[in-house]
Amino acid sequence: MITLYTNPMSRGRIARWMLEEVGAPYETVVLGYDGAMHAPEYLAINPMGKVPAIRMGNQVVTECAAICAFLADAFPQAGLAPAPAERGDYYRWLFFAAGPLEAAVTNAALGIQVPPDRRAMVGYGSLDAVLDTLEGALRDRPYITGDNFTAADVYVGAQIGWGKRFGTIPARQAFSDYWKRLEPRPALLRASELDDAAAA
């Protein structure tokens, strides 16, 4: 049994979407922002005091990109990871979204302006550079790694879906087209329904 530690108003939505994609049974522990995430019991699971985290047996995994990759490997029958010899793009875009994309979008949302002469220090350069790169990857293929949906699409797609919803990622046609392909996925619909019910 897998345990998902989450909050419906958090990145835990990504982990739930991934769990629904692999189809594995799991139980949910919802933690509030009222201090429950910093209670000793949860800090023993994630010392950062944030969600999501998953526990499967004696293994604990935090960080959404890691959770997506872990579950794809743990449940190969779901077909959400390419063959090991073909994972170059898969790893590239999974961790591009976890690193440059999320950092650039978050900094922009916080009003942090990186001076042009300091862009090499932040690793992503600029928000425009990150978005141009991602747009180029999505322009001529249905999914981030090519013709097949993978766990990388859960993470990249969640970033784009969230950005579209809250206006943190500028509207671009390639992003809108990509999200339209992901939005009707049954696993995403189930996950969203569960999280929306928990939020209510």
Protein backbone atom coordinates (compact mmCIF):
# COMPACT_ATOMS: atom_id res chain seq x y z
CA MET A 1 0.00 0.00 0.00
CA ILE A 2 1.18 3.49 -0.84
CA THR A 3 0.48 6.44 1.44
CA LEU A 4 0.18 9.88 -0.12
CA TYR A 5 0.79 12.82 2.18
CA THR A 6 -0.75 15.85 0.58
CA ASN A 7 -2.87 18.96 0.70
CA PRO A 8 -5.37 19.64 -2.10
CA MET A 9 -4.03 23.18 -2.46
CA SER A 10 -0.47 22.10 -3.11
CA ARG A 11 1.84 20.33 -5.53
CA GLY A 12 0.38 17.20 -4.01
CA ARG A 13 -2.08 17.35 -6.91
CA ILE A 14 0.78 16.28 -9.17
CA ALA A 15 1.56 13.24 -7.04
CA ARG A 16 -2.11 12.25 -6.94
CA TRP A 17 -2.38 12.57 -10.72
CA MET A 18 0.64 10.29 -11.09
CA LEU A 19 -0.82 7.76 -8.64
CA GLU A 20 -4.04 7.71 -10.64
CA GLU A 21 -2.06 7.19 -13.85
CA VAL A 22 -0.26 4.12 -12.51
CA GLY A 23 -3.49 2.75 -11.04
CA ALA A 24 -1.92 1.61 -7.79
CA PRO A 25 -4.01 1.49 -4.60
CA TYR A 26 -3.10 4.20 -2.14
CA GLU A 27 -4.36 5.89 0.98
CA THR A 28 -4.35 9.63 1.48
CA VAL A 29 -3.28 11.63 4.51
CA VAL A 30 -4.31 15.27 4.14
CA LEU A 31 -2.16 17.68 6.11
CA GLY A 32 -3.18 21.26 6.80
CA TYR A 33 -1.03 24.35 6.68
CA ASP A 34 -2.00 24.97 10.31
CA GLY A 35 1.10 23.25 11.65
CA ALA A 36 0.33 19.63 10.78
CA MET A 37 3.11 19.63 8.18
CA HIS A 38 5.57 20.59 10.92
CA ALA A 39 4.39 18.09 13.50
CA PRO A 40 7.13 15.68 14.60
CA GLU A 41 5.30 12.72 13.05
CA TYR A 42 5.41 14.26 9.60
CA LEU A 43 8.86 15.80 9.94
CA ALA A 44 10.09 12.22 10.40
CA ILE A 45 8.78 11.59 6.87
CA ASN A 46 9.81 14.89 5.29
CA PRO A 47 12.09 17.11 7.37
CA MET A 48 11.28 19.98 5.00
CA GLY A 49 7.76 20.03 6.42
CA LYS A 50 6.10 20.21 3.02
CA VAL A 51 3.95 18.05 0.81
CA PRO A 52 3.71 15.91 -1.17
CA ALA A 53 5.49 12.83 0.00
CA ILE A 54 4.73 9.20 -0.61
CA ARG A 55 5.62 6.16 1.43
CA MET A 56 5.70 2.70 -0.11
CA GLY A 57 6.92 0.03 2.25
CA ASN A 58 10.05 1.39 3.88
CA GLN A 59 10.73 3.88 1.08
CA VAL A 60 9.84 7.55 1.32
CA VAL A 61 9.97 9.77 -1.74
CA THR A 62 9.56 13.54 -1.75
CA GLU A 63 9.76 16.10 -4.59
CA CYS A 64 7.18 15.79 -7.34
CA ALA A 65 9.56 14.99 -10.18
CA ALA A 66 11.14 12.24 -8.09
CA ILE A 67 7.71 10.87 -7.17
CA CYS A 68 6.72 10.74 -10.84
CA ALA A 69 9.93 8.95 -11.85
CA PHE A 70 9.76 6.56 -8.89
CA LEU A 71 6.18 5.52 -9.55
CA ALA A 72 6.81 5.05 -13.27
CA ASP A 73 9.63 2.64 -12.39
CA ALA A 74 7.72 0.94 -9.56
CA PHE A 75 4.76 0.20 -11.84
CA PRO A 76 6.24 -0.54 -15.28
CA GLN A 77 2.99 -2.11 -16.44
CA ALA A 78 1.54 1.43 -16.64
CA GLY A 79 3.95 2.18 -19.49
CA LEU A 80 4.82 5.65 -18.23
CA ALA A 81 8.59 5.49 -18.73
CA PRO A 82 10.47 4.75 -21.94
CA ALA A 83 12.88 1.84 -22.12
CA PRO A 84 16.03 2.62 -20.11
CA ALA A 85 18.14 3.12 -23.23
CA GLU A 86 15.62 5.65 -24.55
CA ARG A 87 15.20 7.90 -21.52
CA GLY A 88 17.32 10.86 -22.61
CA ASP A 89 14.42 13.18 -23.45
CA TYR A 90 12.35 11.75 -20.61
CA TYR A 91 14.90 12.70 -17.95
CA ARG A 92 15.81 15.93 -19.70
CA TRP A 93 12.29 17.37 -19.70
CA LEU A 94 11.22 15.92 -16.36
CA PHE A 95 14.08 17.68 -14.63
CA PHE A 96 13.98 20.74 -16.87
CA ALA A 97 10.47 21.33 -15.53
CA ALA A 98 11.59 20.64 -11.95
CA GLY A 99 14.60 22.95 -12.23
CA PRO A 100 14.70 25.81 -14.73
CA LEU A 101 10.96 26.00 -15.43
CA GLU A 102 9.72 26.01 -11.85
CA ALA A 103 12.50 28.32 -10.66
CA ALA A 104 11.96 30.83 -13.46
CA VAL A 105 8.18 30.87 -13.08
CA THR A 106 8.34 31.15 -9.29
CA ASN A 107 10.86 33.98 -9.37
CA ALA A 108 8.79 35.87 -11.92
CA ALA A 109 5.65 35.42 -9.79
CA LEU A 110 7.55 36.81 -6.81
CA GLY A 111 8.69 39.82 -8.83
CA ILE A 112 12.33 38.78 -8.70
CA GLN A 113 14.19 40.32 -11.61
CA VAL A 114 17.54 38.74 -12.37
CA PRO A 115 19.95 41.35 -13.79
CA PRO A 116 21.16 40.37 -17.28
CA ASP A 117 24.76 40.17 -16.09
CA ARG A 118 23.75 37.69 -13.34
CA ARG A 119 21.62 35.32 -15.41
CA ALA A 120 24.31 32.65 -15.52
CA MET A 121 24.11 32.43 -11.72
CA VAL A 122 20.47 31.35 -11.59
CA GLY A 123 20.85 28.42 -13.97
CA TYR A 124 17.82 29.21 -16.10
CA GLY A 125 18.97 32.50 -17.61
CA SER A 126 15.60 34.16 -18.04
CA LEU A 127 11.93 33.23 -18.07
CA ASP A 128 11.75 33.94 -21.79
CA ALA A 129 14.66 31.59 -22.48
CA VAL A 130 12.99 28.82 -20.49
CA LEU A 131 9.62 29.28 -22.16
CA ASP A 132 11.15 29.49 -25.62
CA THR A 133 12.99 26.23 -24.98
CA LEU A 134 9.88 24.46 -23.72
CA GLU A 135 7.77 25.82 -26.56
CA GLY A 136 10.30 24.53 -29.08
CA ALA A 137 10.09 21.06 -27.55
CA LEU A 138 6.28 20.98 -27.71
CA ARG A 139 5.71 22.64 -31.05
CA ASP A 140 6.02 19.58 -33.30
CA ARG A 141 5.16 16.62 -31.11
CA PRO A 142 2.11 15.63 -29.09
CA TYR A 143 3.94 14.87 -25.85
CA ILE A 144 7.12 16.16 -24.28
CA THR A 145 9.17 13.11 -25.28
CA GLY A 146 7.47 12.40 -28.60
CA ASP A 147 4.46 10.32 -29.53
CA ASN A 148 3.82 8.67 -26.16
CA PHE A 149 2.51 10.06 -22.89
CA THR A 150 4.97 9.49 -20.01
CA ALA A 151 5.47 10.47 -16.40
CA ALA A 152 7.37 13.49 -17.69
CA ASP A 153 4.09 14.74 -19.15
CA VAL A 154 2.47 14.53 -15.72
CA TYR A 155 5.07 16.90 -14.32
CA VAL A 156 5.49 19.18 -17.33
CA GLY A 157 1.75 19.18 -17.92
CA ALA A 158 1.00 20.06 -14.31
CA GLN A 159 3.35 23.03 -14.53
CA ILE A 160 1.68 24.29 -17.70
CA GLY A 161 -1.84 23.61 -16.44
CA TRP A 162 -1.13 25.43 -13.19
CA GLY A 163 0.52 28.29 -15.09
CA LYS A 164 -2.47 28.64 -17.40
CA ARG A 165 -4.91 28.58 -14.48
CA PHE A 166 -3.13 31.21 -12.41
CA GLY A 167 -1.53 33.26 -15.17
CA THR A 168 2.04 32.51 -14.15
CA ILE A 169 2.96 31.13 -17.56
CA PRO A 170 2.22 33.40 -20.52
CA ALA A 171 -0.26 32.02 -23.03
CA ARG A 172 1.41 30.44 -26.04
CA GLN A 173 -0.28 28.30 -28.66
CA ALA A 174 2.02 25.31 -28.16
CA PHE A 175 1.25 25.30 -24.43
CA SER A 176 -2.50 25.58 -24.98
CA ASP A 177 -2.49 22.77 -27.55
CA TYR A 178 -0.44 20.56 -25.25
CA TRP A 179 -2.73 21.16 -22.28
CA LYS A 180 -5.79 20.37 -24.39
CA ARG A 181 -4.31 16.92 -25.04
CA LEU A 182 -3.70 16.29 -21.35
CA GLU A 183 -6.76 17.84 -19.74
CA PRO A 184 -9.23 15.06 -20.65
CA ARG A 185 -7.04 12.22 -19.36
CA PRO A 186 -9.20 10.03 -17.07
CA ALA A 187 -6.49 9.85 -14.40
CA LEU A 188 -6.23 13.64 -14.25
CA LEU A 189 -10.00 13.99 -14.07
CA ARG A 190 -10.18 11.46 -11.21
CA ALA A 191 -7.32 13.12 -9.34
CA SER A 192 -8.83 16.57 -9.76
CA GLU A 193 -12.21 15.37 -8.52
CA LEU A 194 -10.65 13.84 -5.41
CA ASP A 195 -8.58 16.94 -4.66
CA ASP A 196 -11.45 19.31 -5.31
CA ALA A 197 -13.64 17.31 -2.92
CA ALA A 198 -10.90 17.37 -0.26
CA ALA A 199 -10.45 21.12 -0.71
CA ALA A 200 -14.17 21.70 -0.27
